[in-house]
Protein backbone atom coordinates (compact mmCIF):
# COMPACT_ATOMS: atom_id res chain seq x y z
CA MET A 1 139.77 40.30 67.95
CA ARG A 2 139.70 43.94 68.95
CA HIS A 3 136.90 46.05 67.64
CA ALA A 4 137.63 49.55 66.46
CA ARG A 5 136.13 52.17 68.75
CA VAL A 6 133.36 54.09 67.02
CA ARG A 7 133.29 57.76 67.80
CA ALA A 8 129.94 59.45 68.18
CA PRO A 9 129.43 62.08 65.51
CA HIS A 10 129.90 65.67 66.64
CA LEU A 11 126.52 67.40 66.64
CA ARG A 12 126.18 71.16 66.29
CA ILE A 13 123.10 72.19 68.25
CA SER A 14 121.62 75.67 68.14
CA PRO A 15 121.73 77.40 71.53
CA ARG A 16 118.11 78.45 70.99
CA LEU A 17 117.04 74.80 70.84
CA THR A 18 118.95 73.79 73.95
CA TYR A 19 117.95 76.81 76.03
CA ASP A 20 115.83 75.88 79.03
CA LYS A 21 113.45 78.73 79.69
CA ASP A 22 113.16 77.72 83.34
CA GLU A 23 116.86 78.49 83.76
CA PRO A 24 117.44 82.22 83.13
CA ASN A 25 121.23 81.87 83.34
CA ALA A 26 121.28 79.38 80.45
CA MET A 27 121.04 82.15 77.85
CA SER A 28 124.18 83.87 76.66
CA ASP A 29 124.95 87.11 78.42
CA ALA A 30 125.14 88.80 75.01
CA ALA A 31 121.42 88.37 74.40
CA ILE A 32 118.78 90.66 75.89
CA THR A 33 116.19 88.36 77.41
CA VAL A 34 112.58 89.52 77.12
CA LEU A 35 109.30 88.54 78.81
CA LEU A 36 106.16 89.45 76.84
CA VAL A 37 102.96 90.28 78.73
CA ASP A 38 99.65 90.83 76.94
CA ASP A 39 96.22 89.26 77.38
CA HIS A 40 95.86 88.63 73.64
CA SER A 41 97.82 85.66 72.30
CA LEU A 42 97.89 87.05 68.75
CA VAL A 43 99.48 90.26 69.98
CA ARG A 44 102.11 88.32 71.92
CA ARG A 45 102.79 86.19 68.86
CA GLY A 46 103.28 89.28 66.72
CA PHE A 47 105.63 90.92 69.20
CA ARG A 48 107.61 87.69 69.61
CA ARG A 49 108.08 87.36 65.87
CA LEU A 50 109.13 91.00 65.59
CA LEU A 51 111.62 90.94 68.47
CA GLU A 52 113.19 87.63 67.55
CA GLU A 53 114.05 88.93 64.09
CA ASP A 54 116.83 90.78 65.91
CA SER A 55 119.59 88.40 66.98
CA ALA A 56 120.37 90.58 70.01
CA LEU A 57 116.96 89.81 71.53
CA CYS A 58 115.50 86.57 72.83
CA VAL A 59 111.95 86.12 74.12
CA VAL A 60 112.20 83.74 77.06
CA GLY A 61 108.58 83.67 78.15
CA GLU A 62 105.05 85.00 77.85
CA ALA A 63 102.27 85.89 80.30
CA SER A 64 98.61 86.82 79.79
CA ASP A 65 97.83 88.79 82.98
CA GLY A 66 99.48 90.71 85.77
CA HIS A 67 99.75 87.82 88.21
CA GLU A 68 101.34 85.57 85.58
CA ALA A 69 103.73 88.39 84.69
CA VAL A 70 104.99 88.71 88.26
CA GLU A 71 105.41 84.94 88.64
CA ALA A 72 107.17 84.57 85.28
CA ALA A 73 109.48 87.54 85.90
CA CYS A 74 110.55 86.15 89.30
CA ARG A 75 111.22 82.73 87.75
CA LEU A 76 112.87 83.74 84.47
CA ARG A 77 114.63 86.96 85.57
CA PRO A 78 114.44 88.61 82.12
CA ARG A 79 116.42 91.75 81.39
CA VAL A 80 113.32 93.43 79.97
CA VAL A 81 109.58 92.95 80.48
CA VAL A 82 107.44 94.29 77.62
CA MET A 83 104.02 94.69 79.20
CA ASP A 84 100.59 95.92 78.23
CA PHE A 85 99.02 98.34 80.70
CA ALA A 86 95.45 97.05 80.53
CA LEU A 87 95.73 93.53 81.93
CA PRO A 88 93.12 91.34 83.65
CA SER A 89 93.23 91.07 87.47
CA MET A 90 96.25 93.37 87.90
CA ASN A 91 97.14 96.28 85.64
CA GLY A 92 100.59 96.90 84.26
CA ALA A 93 101.51 99.56 86.82
CA VAL A 94 100.77 97.31 89.81
CA ALA A 95 102.52 94.38 88.14
CA THR A 96 105.53 96.62 87.51
CA ARG A 97 105.78 97.48 91.21
CA HIS A 98 105.69 93.80 92.19
CA ILE A 99 108.22 92.78 89.53
CA LEU A 100 110.74 95.46 90.45
CA LYS A 101 110.40 94.69 94.14
CA SER A 102 111.54 91.11 93.49
CA CYS A 103 113.67 91.74 90.37
CA PRO A 104 115.32 95.17 90.66
CA GLY A 105 117.63 94.33 87.75
CA THR A 106 114.72 94.00 85.33
CA ALA A 107 113.59 96.93 83.17
CA VAL A 108 109.89 97.30 82.34
CA LEU A 109 108.68 98.77 79.05
CA VAL A 110 104.94 99.47 79.05
CA LEU A 111 102.90 99.34 75.85
CA SER A 112 99.51 101.02 75.92
CA MET A 113 96.70 102.32 73.76
CA HIS A 114 96.35 105.31 76.12
CA SER A 115 98.23 108.54 75.50
CA GLU A 116 96.80 110.40 78.52
CA VAL A 117 99.39 111.90 80.86
CA SER A 118 97.90 110.13 83.89
CA TYR A 119 98.59 106.68 82.42
CA VAL A 120 102.19 107.56 81.61
CA ARG A 121 102.90 109.03 85.03
CA THR A 122 101.28 106.10 86.81
CA CYS A 123 103.62 103.70 85.02
CA LEU A 124 106.74 105.82 85.49
CA GLU A 125 105.99 106.27 89.19
CA ALA A 126 105.64 102.49 89.46
CA GLY A 127 109.20 102.20 88.14
CA ALA A 128 108.73 101.51 84.43
CA LYS A 129 111.71 102.53 82.28
CA GLY A 130 109.64 103.26 79.21
CA TYR A 131 106.16 103.87 77.81
CA LEU A 132 105.25 103.32 74.14
CA LEU A 133 101.93 103.56 72.38
CA LYS A 134 100.83 100.24 70.92
CA ASN A 135 100.79 101.55 67.37
CA ALA A 136 104.50 102.37 67.52
CA MET A 137 106.55 101.43 64.48
CA ASP A 138 108.27 98.03 64.61
CA LEU A 139 111.74 99.56 64.66
CA GLU A 140 110.72 101.84 67.55
CA LEU A 141 109.78 98.85 69.70
CA VAL A 142 113.02 96.99 69.02
CA ALA A 143 115.07 100.12 69.71
CA ALA A 144 113.09 100.84 72.89
CA VAL A 145 113.73 97.34 74.27
CA LYS A 146 117.46 97.80 73.72
CA ARG A 147 117.45 101.25 75.30
CA VAL A 148 115.61 100.26 78.48
CA ALA A 149 117.95 97.26 78.74
CA ALA A 150 120.76 99.83 78.80
CA ASN A 151 118.97 101.66 81.67
CA GLU A 152 117.74 104.51 79.48
CA CYS A 153 114.28 106.03 79.95
CA VAL A 154 112.15 105.81 76.81
CA LEU A 155 108.95 107.70 76.04
CA ASP A 156 106.96 107.57 72.83
CA SER A 157 107.82 110.68 70.83
CA ARG A 158 104.10 111.45 70.42
CA LEU A 159 103.66 111.87 74.17
CA GLY A 160 105.82 114.95 74.54
CA SER A 161 108.09 115.57 77.53
CA LEU A 162 106.28 113.97 80.46
CA ALA A 163 109.05 112.47 82.56
CA ALA A 164 109.48 115.68 84.51
CA GLY A 165 105.86 116.82 84.64
CA PRO A 166 105.37 119.88 86.87
CA GLU A 167 102.45 118.80 88.99
CA SER A 168 102.71 115.91 91.41
CA GLN A 169 99.92 113.35 91.57
CA PRO A 170 98.84 111.35 94.61
CA SER A 171 100.96 108.25 95.03
CA LEU A 172 99.43 104.97 96.23
CA THR A 173 101.31 102.00 97.64
CA THR A 174 101.32 98.67 95.82
CA ARG A 175 98.79 97.25 98.29
CA GLU A 176 96.53 100.28 97.89
CA MET A 177 96.67 99.87 94.12
CA GLU A 178 95.62 96.23 94.53
CA VAL A 179 92.72 97.21 96.78
CA LEU A 180 91.71 99.98 94.37
CA GLN A 181 91.63 97.55 91.46
CA LEU A 182 89.35 95.19 93.39
CA ILE A 183 87.08 98.05 94.46
CA VAL A 184 86.67 99.03 90.81
CA ASN A 185 85.91 95.38 90.04
CA GLY A 186 82.95 95.64 92.42
CA ARG A 187 84.36 93.58 95.29
CA SER A 188 83.20 94.18 98.85
CA ASN A 189 85.59 94.72 101.76
CA LYS A 190 84.95 91.15 102.90
CA GLU A 191 85.72 89.74 99.43
CA ILE A 192 88.86 91.87 99.10
CA ALA A 193 90.05 90.72 102.52
CA ALA A 194 89.64 87.07 101.53
CA MET A 195 91.37 87.54 98.18
CA LEU A 196 94.38 89.40 99.60
CA GLY A 197 94.67 87.52 102.87
CA LEU A 198 93.90 90.61 104.98
CA SER A 199 91.44 91.39 107.76
CA VAL A 200 88.27 93.29 106.85
CA ASN A 201 89.41 96.11 109.14
CA THR A 202 92.72 96.41 107.28
CA VAL A 203 90.89 96.63 103.96
CA SER A 204 88.65 99.36 105.41
CA VAL A 205 91.74 101.32 106.43
CA HIS A 206 93.25 100.93 102.94
CA ARG A 207 89.97 102.08 101.37
CA ALA A 208 89.88 105.16 103.62
CA ASN A 209 93.52 105.99 102.88
CA ILE A 210 92.93 105.66 99.13
CA MET A 211 89.92 107.97 99.20
CA GLN A 212 91.77 110.51 101.31
CA ALA A 213 94.86 110.43 99.07
CA LEU A 214 92.76 110.91 95.92
CA GLY A 215 90.35 113.41 97.46
CA MET A 216 87.27 111.26 96.86
CA HIS A 217 84.17 111.19 99.08
CA ASN A 218 82.39 108.00 98.07
CA THR A 219 82.97 104.75 96.19
CA ALA A 220 81.19 105.91 93.02
CA GLU A 221 83.48 108.95 92.72
CA LEU A 222 86.49 106.77 93.44
CA VAL A 223 85.65 104.24 90.72
CA VAL A 224 85.02 106.91 88.07
CA TYR A 225 88.22 108.78 88.97
CA ALA A 226 90.37 105.63 88.99
CA ILE A 227 89.15 104.59 85.53
CA ARG A 228 89.45 108.06 84.00
CA GLN A 229 92.93 108.59 85.40
CA GLY A 230 94.16 105.21 84.23
CA LEU A 231 94.95 103.94 87.71
CA VAL A 232 93.20 100.63 87.06
CA SER A 233 92.11 98.41 84.22
CA ILE A 234 88.56 97.18 83.77
CA ALA A 235 88.53 93.38 84.20
């Protein structure tokens, strides 16, 4: 006696449920993929909820510090990274440099509490596409993500026209920014060398170059200047 073949029921599964966040190409090309970076989980949760209310956006990952942001961006390849400036271990400007070096197709939108010109310029010089103050309206954030994804430069309207500021500021390399951050954190040359995998002599050269570029004469002046100018975050 032949048994009738039973067909498996056709299941309709939401793409969001089947999306593997470890595979950046799994998401539809129509969606703008976003990586959220902030050291406060509640802030990330709020931003995720806000962005995912728009069907054109999809948050594919989160990170809580600069190092995690670089690793996650290289793995997930998001179209946009929405990143706080003041992050533990590596600030948003340094993280931006690292991300864009490995993922040139990613656009970085920096969110910050700081409206000082030095913070904005530091981020733009690092390659960020946009800079918004953290108290921006919800609609402004969503619109900004879409604009930087379209390769537009976005600045918070309260900052004025800063993209083409008249005076040029000293520019540090990514490695010098890393060394500067560790100097501000109180690390010695020997400790910095061990943490970055460099020789003590190389760290000494970086320190000297940083002080010369910024016009500083001692470590105390350097630390105060770096903090005031927004070149580093306080861990």
